[in-house]
């Protein structure tokens, strides 16, 4: 295919270029997802707007915030996130998610912004000859079809799962995202950034034409906070999650003061296990059954014919995550 490659030197110029083509332009950084879509024929942007030519420091690197949190520019590589000492110490779930993501080659090239904004991995969406609902067709070929890797909750006509590992960890850690718009930077909780097919079949996030994700900010960890990320996959490396979980618990003595449990691989957006969080909240460690916490992870799953395995897998991962975090708690 033929396309233009433009290299803006500022965020304002990039936003203008992305908005001026009627939404047909696409931003490109590492390109690990977009280029594969172009090769497969599932994306055909008229214009590519390269973000690596923007010198604005807001897009690059990892730094402390004034309140003791951690800010990550959208063009920071996954490898740099996994290696950052402060993230490994204070936000273990994010470091673990980044370190287990894809392959070393992808981690060295792929960016945080790209990982959060990657398109679904559904076989039918990705097939160049299949025009499914998400690509403007009139049906979801997964019903009936092969739905082994698709969602078990939150599906609405389309049954994708969100493919990002870092999104799950960042949601559990209460991160926020900065979005560059024509009017400046707006900040939203990452939990409000992703959208499912019930909101818009064609999009997975709230970005409008001309808008760019520029950074992610992690709040300062609470005293007594600990976190973990666990991922079940078919291959030891280079694979997407069948199911994943990020858990963050804040303990005050022997009591769970706050719990944040988010699952990946089970829904079109990172899925918050609200029933598990409610079970853990303000409960003494000695009164907690990690198995019971896991059993409440997805109260009413609605699996497709060949992905019912995801419900017990999610329960087991939450069981393991909660049990691991509580194992070092005081009696």
C-alpha atoms as a PDB file:
ATOM      1  CA  UNK A   1       0.000   0.000   0.000  1.00  0.00           C
ATOM      2  CA  UNK A   2       1.016   3.654  -0.433  1.00  0.00           C
ATOM      3  CA  UNK A   3       1.092   6.097   2.462  1.00  0.00           C
ATOM      4  CA  UNK A   4       2.772   9.314   3.524  1.00  0.00           C
ATOM      5  CA  UNK A   5       5.247   9.338   6.414  1.00  0.00           C
ATOM      6  CA  UNK A   6       5.309  12.653   8.271  1.00  0.00           C
ATOM      7  CA  UNK A   7       7.769  13.587  11.006  1.00  0.00           C
ATOM      8  CA  UNK A   8       6.422  16.365  13.242  1.00  0.00           C
ATOM      9  CA  UNK A   9       8.740  18.105  15.685  1.00  0.00           C
ATOM     10  CA  UNK A  10       6.164  19.023  18.336  1.00  0.00           C
ATOM     11  CA  UNK A  11       3.090  17.582  19.999  1.00  0.00           C
ATOM     12  CA  UNK A  12       0.952  20.386  18.606  1.00  0.00           C
ATOM     13  CA  UNK A  13       2.124  19.634  15.062  1.00  0.00           C
ATOM     14  CA  UNK A  14       1.519  15.897  15.542  1.00  0.00           C
ATOM     15  CA  UNK A  15      -2.010  16.522  16.816  1.00  0.00           C
ATOM     16  CA  UNK A  16      -2.768  18.794  13.875  1.00  0.00           C
ATOM     17  CA  UNK A  17      -1.503  16.217  11.373  1.00  0.00           C
ATOM     18  CA  UNK A  18      -3.490  13.402  12.976  1.00  0.00           C
ATOM     19  CA  UNK A  19      -6.682  15.477  12.996  1.00  0.00           C
ATOM     20  CA  UNK A  20      -6.335  16.912   9.508  1.00  0.00           C
ATOM     21  CA  UNK A  21      -6.774  13.636   7.623  1.00  0.00           C
ATOM     22  CA  UNK A  22     -10.291  12.925   8.847  1.00  0.00           C
ATOM     23  CA  UNK A  23      -9.061  10.242  11.227  1.00  0.00           C
ATOM     24  CA  UNK A  24      -7.333   8.287   8.436  1.00  0.00           C
ATOM     25  CA  UNK A  25      -3.856   9.108   9.781  1.00  0.00           C
ATOM     26  CA  UNK A  26      -2.182   6.883  12.367  1.00  0.00           C
ATOM     27  CA  UNK A  27       0.504   7.623  14.914  1.00  0.00           C
ATOM     28  CA  UNK A  28       3.529   5.335  14.854  1.00  0.00           C
ATOM     29  CA  UNK A  29       6.314   4.893  17.399  1.00  0.00           C
ATOM     30  CA  UNK A  30       7.813   1.405  17.789  1.00  0.00           C
ATOM     31  CA  UNK A  31       5.383   0.103  15.184  1.00  0.00           C
ATOM     32  CA  UNK A  32       5.345  -3.475  16.499  1.00  0.00           C
ATOM     33  CA  UNK A  33       1.552  -3.662  16.202  1.00  0.00           C
ATOM     34  CA  UNK A  34       0.656  -1.122  13.522  1.00  0.00           C
ATOM     35  CA  UNK A  35       3.134  -2.404  10.944  1.00  0.00           C
ATOM     36  CA  UNK A  36       1.825  -5.950  11.334  1.00  0.00           C
ATOM     37  CA  UNK A  37      -1.718  -4.662  10.770  1.00  0.00           C
ATOM     38  CA  UNK A  38      -0.614  -2.854   7.623  1.00  0.00           C
ATOM     39  CA  UNK A  39       1.177  -5.961   6.324  1.00  0.00           C
ATOM     40  CA  UNK A  40      -1.910  -8.094   6.999  1.00  0.00           C
ATOM     41  CA  UNK A  41      -4.241  -5.602   5.378  1.00  0.00           C
ATOM     42  CA  UNK A  42      -6.289  -5.014   8.530  1.00  0.00           C
ATOM     43  CA  UNK A  43      -5.193  -1.356   8.675  1.00  0.00           C
ATOM     44  CA  UNK A  44      -4.633   1.011   5.760  1.00  0.00           C
ATOM     45  CA  UNK A  45      -3.791   4.503   7.024  1.00  0.00           C
ATOM     46  CA  UNK A  46      -3.267   7.163   4.377  1.00  0.00           C
ATOM     47  CA  UNK A  47      -0.695   8.883   6.559  1.00  0.00           C
ATOM     48  CA  UNK A  48       1.711   7.750   9.268  1.00  0.00           C
ATOM     49  CA  UNK A  49       2.740  10.365  11.814  1.00  0.00           C
ATOM     50  CA  UNK A  50       6.069   9.365  13.367  1.00  0.00           C
ATOM     51  CA  UNK A  51       6.291  10.309  17.028  1.00  0.00           C
ATOM     52  CA  UNK A  52       9.992   9.533  17.479  1.00  0.00           C
ATOM     53  CA  UNK A  53      10.888  12.838  15.795  1.00  0.00           C
ATOM     54  CA  UNK A  54       9.253  14.850  18.616  1.00  0.00           C
ATOM     55  CA  UNK A  55      11.873  16.149  21.014  1.00  0.00           C
ATOM     56  CA  UNK A  56       9.351  17.036  23.727  1.00  0.00           C
ATOM     57  CA  UNK A  57      10.606  15.440  26.937  1.00  0.00           C
ATOM     58  CA  UNK A  58       7.029  14.773  28.027  1.00  0.00           C
ATOM     59  CA  UNK A  59       6.960  11.739  25.744  1.00  0.00           C
ATOM     60  CA  UNK A  60      10.200  10.170  26.919  1.00  0.00           C
ATOM     61  CA  UNK A  61      11.645   8.650  30.050  1.00  0.00           C
ATOM     62  CA  UNK A  62      10.681   7.854  33.620  1.00  0.00           C
ATOM     63  CA  UNK A  63      10.783  10.375  36.454  1.00  0.00           C
ATOM     64  CA  UNK A  64       9.478  11.040  39.946  1.00  0.00           C
ATOM     65  CA  UNK A  65       6.468  13.295  40.420  1.00  0.00           C
ATOM     66  CA  UNK A  66       6.274  16.052  43.009  1.00  0.00           C
ATOM     67  CA  UNK A  67       4.077  13.942  45.287  1.00  0.00           C
ATOM     68  CA  UNK A  68       6.326  10.870  45.144  1.00  0.00           C
ATOM     69  CA  UNK A  69       4.657   9.009  42.298  1.00  0.00           C
ATOM     70  CA  UNK A  70       6.264   7.922  39.047  1.00  0.00           C
ATOM     71  CA  UNK A  71       5.676   9.383  35.574  1.00  0.00           C
ATOM     72  CA  UNK A  72       6.345   7.372  32.403  1.00  0.00           C
ATOM     73  CA  UNK A  73       6.436   9.008  28.971  1.00  0.00           C
ATOM     74  CA  UNK A  74       4.398   7.248  26.301  1.00  0.00           C
ATOM     75  CA  UNK A  75       7.490   6.632  24.121  1.00  0.00           C
ATOM     76  CA  UNK A  76       9.371   4.889  26.930  1.00  0.00           C
ATOM     77  CA  UNK A  77      10.181   1.324  25.905  1.00  0.00           C
ATOM     78  CA  UNK A  78       8.753  -1.657  27.722  1.00  0.00           C
ATOM     79  CA  UNK A  79      12.317  -2.846  28.432  1.00  0.00           C
ATOM     80  CA  UNK A  80      13.142   0.424  30.207  1.00  0.00           C
ATOM     81  CA  UNK A  81      10.018   0.112  32.351  1.00  0.00           C
ATOM     82  CA  UNK A  82      10.895  -3.460  33.335  1.00  0.00           C
ATOM     83  CA  UNK A  83      14.426  -2.389  34.280  1.00  0.00           C
ATOM     84  CA  UNK A  84      13.568   0.759  36.243  1.00  0.00           C
ATOM     85  CA  UNK A  85      14.688   0.264  39.840  1.00  0.00           C
ATOM     86  CA  UNK A  86      11.988   2.458  41.388  1.00  0.00           C
ATOM     87  CA  UNK A  87       9.225   0.702  39.472  1.00  0.00           C
ATOM     88  CA  UNK A  88      10.594  -2.720  40.391  1.00  0.00           C
ATOM     89  CA  UNK A  89      10.656  -1.719  44.072  1.00  0.00           C
ATOM     90  CA  UNK A  90       7.499   0.367  44.425  1.00  0.00           C
ATOM     91  CA  UNK A  91       5.264  -0.927  41.618  1.00  0.00           C
ATOM     92  CA  UNK A  92       6.218  -4.577  41.304  1.00  0.00           C
ATOM     93  CA  UNK A  93       3.104  -5.554  39.328  1.00  0.00           C
ATOM     94  CA  UNK A  94       3.995  -3.166  36.504  1.00  0.00           C
ATOM     95  CA  UNK A  95       7.631  -4.282  36.387  1.00  0.00           C
ATOM     96  CA  UNK A  96       6.533  -7.930  36.277  1.00  0.00           C
ATOM     97  CA  UNK A  97       3.958  -7.264  33.551  1.00  0.00           C
ATOM     98  CA  UNK A  98       6.536  -5.428  31.437  1.00  0.00           C
ATOM     99  CA  UNK A  99       9.248  -8.033  31.966  1.00  0.00           C
ATOM    100  CA  UNK A 100       6.983 -10.895  30.836  1.00  0.00           C
ATOM    101  CA  UNK A 101       5.547  -9.097  27.833  1.00  0.00           C
ATOM    102  CA  UNK A 102       6.136 -10.591  24.370  1.00  0.00           C
ATOM    103  CA  UNK A 103       9.824 -11.136  23.478  1.00  0.00           C
ATOM    104  CA  UNK A 104      13.044  -9.216  24.236  1.00  0.00           C
ATOM    105  CA  UNK A 105      12.997  -7.778  20.719  1.00  0.00           C
ATOM    106  CA  UNK A 106       9.483  -6.398  21.165  1.00  0.00           C
ATOM    107  CA  UNK A 107      10.244  -5.087  24.651  1.00  0.00           C
ATOM    108  CA  UNK A 108      13.297  -3.226  23.340  1.00  0.00           C
ATOM    109  CA  UNK A 109      11.349  -1.564  20.540  1.00  0.00           C
ATOM    110  CA  UNK A 110       7.750  -1.385  21.723  1.00  0.00           C
ATOM    111  CA  UNK A 111       6.585   1.601  23.745  1.00  0.00           C
ATOM    112  CA  UNK A 112       4.201   1.975  26.659  1.00  0.00           C
ATOM    113  CA  UNK A 113       1.828   4.059  24.547  1.00  0.00           C
ATOM    114  CA  UNK A 114       1.840   1.445  21.817  1.00  0.00           C
ATOM    115  CA  UNK A 115       1.211  -1.358  24.264  1.00  0.00           C
ATOM    116  CA  UNK A 116      -1.786   0.410  25.774  1.00  0.00           C
ATOM    117  CA  UNK A 117      -3.226   1.336  22.374  1.00  0.00           C
ATOM    118  CA  UNK A 118      -2.633  -1.910  20.469  1.00  0.00           C
ATOM    119  CA  UNK A 119      -5.561  -3.383  18.571  1.00  0.00           C
ATOM    120  CA  UNK A 120      -7.290  -6.673  19.487  1.00  0.00           C
ATOM    121  CA  UNK A 121      -5.682 -10.006  18.663  1.00  0.00           C
ATOM    122  CA  UNK A 122      -8.892 -11.817  17.707  1.00  0.00           C
ATOM    123  CA  UNK A 123      -8.195 -14.192  14.793  1.00  0.00           C
ATOM    124  CA  UNK A 124     -11.224 -12.951  12.888  1.00  0.00           C
ATOM    125  CA  UNK A 125     -10.394  -9.273  13.286  1.00  0.00           C
ATOM    126  CA  UNK A 126      -6.778  -9.888  12.249  1.00  0.00           C
ATOM    127  CA  UNK A 127      -7.569 -12.018   9.178  1.00  0.00           C
ATOM    128  CA  UNK A 128      -7.229  -9.914   6.002  1.00  0.00           C
ATOM    129  CA  UNK A 129     -10.127 -11.698   4.278  1.00  0.00           C
ATOM    130  CA  UNK A 130     -12.597 -11.547   7.179  1.00  0.00           C
ATOM    131  CA  UNK A 131     -14.698  -8.393   7.505  1.00  0.00           C
ATOM    132  CA  UNK A 132     -16.035  -8.797  11.032  1.00  0.00           C
ATOM    133  CA  UNK A 133     -18.170  -6.372  13.041  1.00  0.00           C
ATOM    134  CA  UNK A 134     -15.101  -4.555  14.340  1.00  0.00           C
ATOM    135  CA  UNK A 135     -13.984  -3.917  10.765  1.00  0.00           C
ATOM    136  CA  UNK A 136     -17.361  -2.675   9.564  1.00  0.00           C
ATOM    137  CA  UNK A 137     -18.951  -6.032   8.724  1.00  0.00           C
ATOM    138  CA  UNK A 138     -22.306  -7.387   9.807  1.00  0.00           C
ATOM    139  CA  UNK A 139     -21.376 -10.286  12.094  1.00  0.00           C
ATOM    140  CA  UNK A 140     -18.981 -11.634  14.700  1.00  0.00           C
ATOM    141  CA  UNK A 141     -17.411 -14.774  13.263  1.00  0.00           C
ATOM    142  CA  UNK A 142     -16.494 -16.038  16.707  1.00  0.00           C
ATOM    143  CA  UNK A 143     -20.184 -16.873  17.290  1.00  0.00           C
ATOM    144  CA  UNK A 144     -20.294 -19.629  16.283  1.00  0.00           C
ATOM    145  CA  UNK A 145     -16.606 -20.129  15.625  1.00  0.00           C
ATOM    146  CA  UNK A 146     -13.331 -20.448  17.491  1.00  0.00           C
ATOM    147  CA  UNK A 147     -13.549 -18.376  20.653  1.00  0.00           C
ATOM    148  CA  UNK A 148     -10.814 -20.059  22.706  1.00  0.00           C
ATOM    149  CA  UNK A 149      -8.941 -16.793  23.340  1.00  0.00           C
ATOM    150  CA  UNK A 150     -11.893 -14.425  23.585  1.00  0.00           C
ATOM    151  CA  UNK A 151     -13.782 -12.907  26.509  1.00  0.00           C
ATOM    152  CA  UNK A 152     -15.983 -14.554  29.129  1.00  0.00           C
ATOM    153  CA  UNK A 153     -17.540 -11.353  30.446  1.00  0.00           C
ATOM    154  CA  UNK A 154     -18.356  -7.930  29.051  1.00  0.00           C
ATOM    155  CA  UNK A 155     -18.838  -9.009  25.432  1.00  0.00           C
ATOM    156  CA  UNK A 156     -21.455  -7.141  23.425  1.00  0.00           C
ATOM    157  CA  UNK A 157     -21.793  -8.313  19.803  1.00  0.00           C
ATOM    158  CA  UNK A 158     -17.963  -8.390  19.730  1.00  0.00           C
ATOM    159  CA  UNK A 159     -16.021 -10.651  22.114  1.00  0.00           C
ATOM    160  CA  UNK A 160     -12.454  -9.354  22.046  1.00  0.00           C
ATOM    161  CA  UNK A 161     -10.135  -9.246  25.044  1.00  0.00           C
ATOM    162  CA  UNK A 162      -7.817  -6.345  25.676  1.00  0.00           C
ATOM    163  CA  UNK A 163      -4.311  -7.580  24.793  1.00  0.00           C
ATOM    164  CA  UNK A 164      -2.187  -5.267  26.970  1.00  0.00           C
ATOM    165  CA  UNK A 165      -0.299  -6.630  29.979  1.00  0.00           C
ATOM    166  CA  UNK A 166       0.717  -3.185  31.211  1.00  0.00           C
ATOM    167  CA  UNK A 167      -2.885  -1.939  31.130  1.00  0.00           C
ATOM    168  CA  UNK A 168      -3.916  -4.554  33.690  1.00  0.00           C
ATOM    169  CA  UNK A 169      -1.089  -3.665  36.073  1.00  0.00           C
ATOM    170  CA  UNK A 170      -1.572   0.090  35.675  1.00  0.00           C
ATOM    171  CA  UNK A 171      -5.301  -0.239  36.366  1.00  0.00           C
ATOM    172  CA  UNK A 172      -4.634  -2.159  39.567  1.00  0.00           C
ATOM    173  CA  UNK A 173      -2.098   0.473  40.650  1.00  0.00           C
ATOM    174  CA  UNK A 174      -4.537   3.350  40.115  1.00  0.00           C
ATOM    175  CA  UNK A 175      -2.598   5.063  37.312  1.00  0.00           C
ATOM    176  CA  UNK A 176      -3.804   8.010  35.248  1.00  0.00           C
ATOM    177  CA  UNK A 177      -3.031   8.964  31.646  1.00  0.00           C
ATOM    178  CA  UNK A 178      -2.231  12.313  30.047  1.00  0.00           C
ATOM    179  CA  UNK A 179      -3.834  13.013  26.667  1.00  0.00           C
ATOM    180  CA  UNK A 180      -2.687  15.809  24.380  1.00  0.00           C
ATOM    181  CA  UNK A 181      -5.649  17.593  22.783  1.00  0.00           C
ATOM    182  CA  UNK A 182      -6.111  20.748  20.743  1.00  0.00           C
ATOM    183  CA  UNK A 183      -6.876  22.575  23.997  1.00  0.00           C
ATOM    184  CA  UNK A 184      -3.914  21.218  25.952  1.00  0.00           C
ATOM    185  CA  UNK A 185      -3.335  18.206  28.193  1.00  0.00           C
ATOM    186  CA  UNK A 186      -6.208  16.464  29.935  1.00  0.00           C
ATOM    187  CA  UNK A 187      -5.725  13.752  32.556  1.00  0.00           C
ATOM    188  CA  UNK A 188      -8.079  10.821  33.117  1.00  0.00           C
ATOM    189  CA  UNK A 189      -7.919   7.714  35.306  1.00  0.00           C
ATOM    190  CA  UNK A 190      -6.691   4.788  33.244  1.00  0.00           C
ATOM    191  CA  UNK A 191      -9.856   2.907  34.241  1.00  0.00           C
ATOM    192  CA  UNK A 192     -11.790   5.470  32.157  1.00  0.00           C
ATOM    193  CA  UNK A 193      -9.415   5.326  29.193  1.00  0.00           C
ATOM    194  CA  UNK A 194     -10.501   2.002  27.706  1.00  0.00           C
ATOM    195  CA  UNK A 195     -13.871   1.409  26.056  1.00  0.00           C
ATOM    196  CA  UNK A 196     -15.609  -1.850  25.234  1.00  0.00           C
ATOM    197  CA  UNK A 197     -17.793  -2.802  22.254  1.00  0.00           C
ATOM    198  CA  UNK A 198     -20.886  -1.799  24.213  1.00  0.00           C
ATOM    199  CA  UNK A 199     -19.663   1.804  23.876  1.00  0.00           C
ATOM    200  CA  UNK A 200     -18.100   1.730  20.409  1.00  0.00           C
ATOM    201  CA  UNK A 201     -17.499  -1.328  18.248  1.00  0.00           C
ATOM    202  CA  UNK A 202     -14.735   0.372  16.287  1.00  0.00           C
ATOM    203  CA  UNK A 203     -12.543   1.714  19.102  1.00  0.00           C
ATOM    204  CA  UNK A 204     -10.903   0.436  22.285  1.00  0.00           C
ATOM    205  CA  UNK A 205     -10.125   3.769  23.961  1.00  0.00           C
ATOM    206  CA  UNK A 206     -11.404   7.321  24.279  1.00  0.00           C
ATOM    207  CA  UNK A 207      -8.859   8.975  21.964  1.00  0.00           C
ATOM    208  CA  UNK A 208     -10.425  11.197  19.323  1.00  0.00           C
ATOM    209  CA  UNK A 209      -8.766  12.128  15.998  1.00  0.00           C
ATOM    210  CA  UNK A 210      -5.842  14.429  16.753  1.00  0.00           C
ATOM    211  CA  UNK A 211      -5.441  13.251  20.359  1.00  0.00           C
ATOM    212  CA  UNK A 212      -2.350  11.479  21.669  1.00  0.00           C
ATOM    213  CA  UNK A 213      -1.550   9.600  24.847  1.00  0.00           C
ATOM    214  CA  UNK A 214       1.586  11.340  26.141  1.00  0.00           C
ATOM    215  CA  UNK A 215       2.298   9.853  29.568  1.00  0.00           C
ATOM    216  CA  UNK A 216       1.135   7.598  32.372  1.00  0.00           C
ATOM    217  CA  UNK A 217       1.413   8.630  36.011  1.00  0.00           C
ATOM    218  CA  UNK A 218       1.477   6.230  38.945  1.00  0.00           C
ATOM    219  CA  UNK A 219       0.338   7.611  42.315  1.00  0.00           C
ATOM    220  CA  UNK A 220       2.718   7.294  45.256  1.00  0.00           C
ATOM    221  CA  UNK A 221       2.310   3.843  46.805  1.00  0.00           C
ATOM    222  CA  UNK A 222       0.569   3.741  50.159  1.00  0.00           C
ATOM    223  CA  UNK A 223       2.461   2.620  53.232  1.00  0.00           C
ATOM    224  CA  UNK A 224       2.092  -1.129  53.401  1.00  0.00           C
ATOM    225  CA  UNK A 225       1.210  -1.526  49.705  1.00  0.00           C
ATOM    226  CA  UNK A 226       2.455  -4.561  47.817  1.00  0.00           C
ATOM    227  CA  UNK A 227       1.573  -5.772  44.334  1.00  0.00           C
ATOM    228  CA  UNK A 228       2.023  -8.697  41.973  1.00  0.00           C
ATOM    229  CA  UNK A 229       1.273  -9.634  38.358  1.00  0.00           C
ATOM    230  CA  UNK A 230       0.629 -13.213  37.262  1.00  0.00           C
ATOM    231  CA  UNK A 231       0.010 -14.401  33.718  1.00  0.00           C
ATOM    232  CA  UNK A 232      -1.172 -17.730  32.310  1.00  0.00           C
ATOM    233  CA  UNK A 233      -0.192 -18.373  28.693  1.00  0.00           C
ATOM    234  CA  UNK A 234       0.307 -21.288  26.355  1.00  0.00           C
ATOM    235  CA  UNK A 235       4.001 -20.616  25.722  1.00  0.00           C
ATOM    236  CA  UNK A 236       6.647 -19.578  28.225  1.00  0.00           C
ATOM    237  CA  UNK A 237       7.544 -16.440  26.282  1.00  0.00           C
ATOM    238  CA  UNK A 238       6.325 -14.332  23.396  1.00  0.00           C
ATOM    239  CA  UNK A 239       2.663 -15.037  24.063  1.00  0.00           C
ATOM    240  CA  UNK A 240      -0.393 -13.076  25.078  1.00  0.00           C
ATOM    241  CA  UNK A 241      -2.228 -13.835  28.295  1.00  0.00           C
ATOM    242  CA  UNK A 242      -4.927 -16.453  28.347  1.00  0.00           C
ATOM    243  CA  UNK A 243      -5.756 -14.879  31.705  1.00  0.00           C
ATOM    244  CA  UNK A 244      -3.722 -12.481  33.815  1.00  0.00           C
ATOM    245  CA  UNK A 245      -4.164 -10.762  37.157  1.00  0.00           C
ATOM    246  CA  UNK A 246      -2.646  -7.724  38.807  1.00  0.00           C
ATOM    247  CA  UNK A 247      -3.271  -7.454  42.521  1.00  0.00           C
ATOM    248  CA  UNK A 248      -2.357  -4.558  44.804  1.00  0.00           C
ATOM    249  CA  UNK A 249      -3.045  -4.809  48.534  1.00  0.00           C
ATOM    250  CA  UNK A 250      -2.438  -2.190  51.203  1.00  0.00           C
ATOM    251  CA  UNK A 251      -2.077  -3.614  54.687  1.00  0.00           C
ATOM    252  CA  UNK A 252      -2.430  -1.757  57.961  1.00  0.00           C
ATOM    253  CA  UNK A 253      -0.935  -4.156  60.453  1.00  0.00           C
ATOM    254  CA  UNK A 254      -2.741  -7.466  59.923  1.00  0.00           C
ATOM    255  CA  UNK A 255      -5.741  -5.925  58.124  1.00  0.00           C
ATOM    256  CA  UNK A 256      -6.228  -5.389  54.410  1.00  0.00           C
ATOM    257  CA  UNK A 257      -6.968  -1.692  54.253  1.00  0.00           C
ATOM    258  CA  UNK A 258      -7.353  -1.521  50.477  1.00  0.00           C
ATOM    259  CA  UNK A 259      -7.517  -4.082  47.671  1.00  0.00           C
ATOM    260  CA  UNK A 260      -7.302  -3.632  43.924  1.00  0.00           C
ATOM    261  CA  UNK A 261      -7.687  -6.726  41.735  1.00  0.00           C
ATOM    262  CA  UNK A 262      -7.744  -6.426  37.927  1.00  0.00           C
ATOM    263  CA  UNK A 263      -7.903  -9.260  35.390  1.00  0.00           C
ATOM    264  CA  UNK A 264      -6.712  -9.422  31.802  1.00  0.00           C
ATOM    265  CA  UNK A 265      -7.689 -11.853  29.069  1.00  0.00           C
ATOM    266  CA  UNK A 266     -11.292 -12.152  30.253  1.00  0.00           C
ATOM    267  CA  UNK A 267     -13.030  -8.980  29.013  1.00  0.00           C
ATOM    268  CA  UNK A 268     -12.784  -6.338  26.283  1.00  0.00           C
ATOM    269  CA  UNK A 269     -11.196  -3.952  28.789  1.00  0.00           C
ATOM    270  CA  UNK A 270      -9.154  -4.626  31.943  1.00  0.00           C
ATOM    271  CA  UNK A 271     -11.684  -6.238  34.274  1.00  0.00           C
ATOM    272  CA  UNK A 272     -11.945  -5.114  37.894  1.00  0.00           C
ATOM    273  CA  UNK A 273     -12.817  -7.987  40.232  1.00  0.00           C
ATOM    274  CA  UNK A 274     -15.096  -5.888  42.430  1.00  0.00           C
ATOM    275  CA  UNK A 275     -16.518  -8.802  44.426  1.00  0.00           C
ATOM    276  CA  UNK A 276     -13.031  -9.996  45.366  1.00  0.00           C
ATOM    277  CA  UNK A 277     -12.031  -6.470  46.360  1.00  0.00           C
ATOM    278  CA  UNK A 278     -15.114  -6.153  48.558  1.00  0.00           C
ATOM    279  CA  UNK A 279     -14.354  -9.504  50.209  1.00  0.00           C
ATOM    280  CA  UNK A 280     -10.793  -8.439  51.052  1.00  0.00           C
ATOM    281  CA  UNK A 281     -11.513  -4.864  52.152  1.00  0.00           C
ATOM    282  CA  UNK A 282     -11.030  -4.225  55.891  1.00  0.00           C
ATOM    283  CA  UNK A 283     -10.679  -7.951  56.571  1.00  0.00           C
ATOM    284  CA  UNK A 284      -7.997  -9.340  58.841  1.00  0.00           C
ATOM    285  CA  UNK A 285      -5.432 -11.522  57.132  1.00  0.00           C
ATOM    286  CA  UNK A 286      -6.247 -14.420  59.453  1.00  0.00           C
ATOM    287  CA  UNK A 287      -9.874 -14.310  58.271  1.00  0.00           C
ATOM    288  CA  UNK A 288      -9.088 -14.331  54.560  1.00  0.00           C
ATOM    289  CA  UNK A 289      -9.303 -17.397  52.363  1.00  0.00           C
ATOM    290  CA  UNK A 290      -7.316 -16.789  49.190  1.00  0.00           C
ATOM    291  CA  UNK A 291      -9.334 -19.554  47.583  1.00  0.00           C
ATOM    292  CA  UNK A 292     -12.585 -17.764  48.416  1.00  0.00           C
ATOM    293  CA  UNK A 293     -11.146 -14.505  47.109  1.00  0.00           C
ATOM    294  CA  UNK A 294     -10.403 -16.246  43.827  1.00  0.00           C
ATOM    295  CA  UNK A 295     -13.821 -17.863  43.620  1.00  0.00           C
ATOM    296  CA  UNK A 296     -15.449 -14.423  43.590  1.00  0.00           C
ATOM    297  CA  UNK A 297     -13.269 -12.994  40.812  1.00  0.00           C
ATOM    298  CA  UNK A 298     -15.879 -13.274  38.022  1.00  0.00           C
ATOM    299  CA  UNK A 299     -19.302 -13.840  39.619  1.00  0.00           C
ATOM    300  CA  UNK A 300     -21.315 -14.447  36.434  1.00  0.00           C
ATOM    301  CA  UNK A 301     -19.071 -15.495  33.554  1.00  0.00           C
ATOM    302  CA  UNK A 302     -20.664 -15.940  30.131  1.00  0.00           C
ATOM    303  CA  UNK A 303     -18.129 -17.997  28.218  1.00  0.00           C
ATOM    304  CA  UNK A 304     -18.250 -19.015  24.600  1.00  0.00           C
ATOM    305  CA  UNK A 305     -18.426 -22.763  23.891  1.00  0.00           C
ATOM    306  CA  UNK A 306     -14.655 -23.281  23.909  1.00  0.00           C
ATOM    307  CA  UNK A 307     -13.312 -20.793  26.473  1.00  0.00           C
ATOM    308  CA  UNK A 308     -15.058 -21.814  29.701  1.00  0.00           C
ATOM    309  CA  UNK A 309     -11.602 -22.792  31.014  1.00  0.00           C
ATOM    310  CA  UNK A 310     -10.910 -19.109  31.631  1.00  0.00           C
ATOM    311  CA  UNK A 311     -13.235 -18.858  34.647  1.00  0.00           C
ATOM    312  CA  UNK A 312     -11.427 -21.421  36.855  1.00  0.00           C
ATOM    313  CA  UNK A 313      -8.097 -20.137  35.519  1.00  0.00           C
ATOM    314  CA  UNK A 314      -8.993 -16.617  36.673  1.00  0.00           C
ATOM    315  CA  UNK A 315     -10.063 -17.939  40.074  1.00  0.00           C
ATOM    316  CA  UNK A 316      -6.800 -19.849  40.471  1.00  0.00           C
ATOM    317  CA  UNK A 317      -4.650 -16.876  39.472  1.00  0.00           C
ATOM    318  CA  UNK A 318      -6.432 -14.571  41.929  1.00  0.00           C
ATOM    319  CA  UNK A 319      -6.059 -17.259  44.595  1.00  0.00           C
ATOM    320  CA  UNK A 320      -2.305 -17.403  43.934  1.00  0.00           C
ATOM    321  CA  UNK A 321      -1.878 -13.636  43.763  1.00  0.00           C
ATOM    322  CA  UNK A 322      -3.744 -12.929  47.000  1.00  0.00           C
ATOM    323  CA  UNK A 323      -2.082 -15.843  48.787  1.00  0.00           C
ATOM    324  CA  UNK A 324       1.373 -14.663  47.742  1.00  0.00           C
ATOM    325  CA  UNK A 325       0.791 -11.088  48.850  1.00  0.00           C
ATOM    326  CA  UNK A 326      -0.622 -12.151  52.205  1.00  0.00           C
ATOM    327  CA  UNK A 327       2.054 -14.726  52.924  1.00  0.00           C
ATOM    328  CA  UNK A 328       4.472 -12.093  54.208  1.00  0.00           C
ATOM    329  CA  UNK A 329       1.828 -10.200  56.214  1.00  0.00           C
ATOM    330  CA  UNK A 330       2.069 -10.047  60.009  1.00  0.00           C
ATOM    331  CA  UNK A 331      -0.155 -12.540  61.871  1.00  0.00           C
END
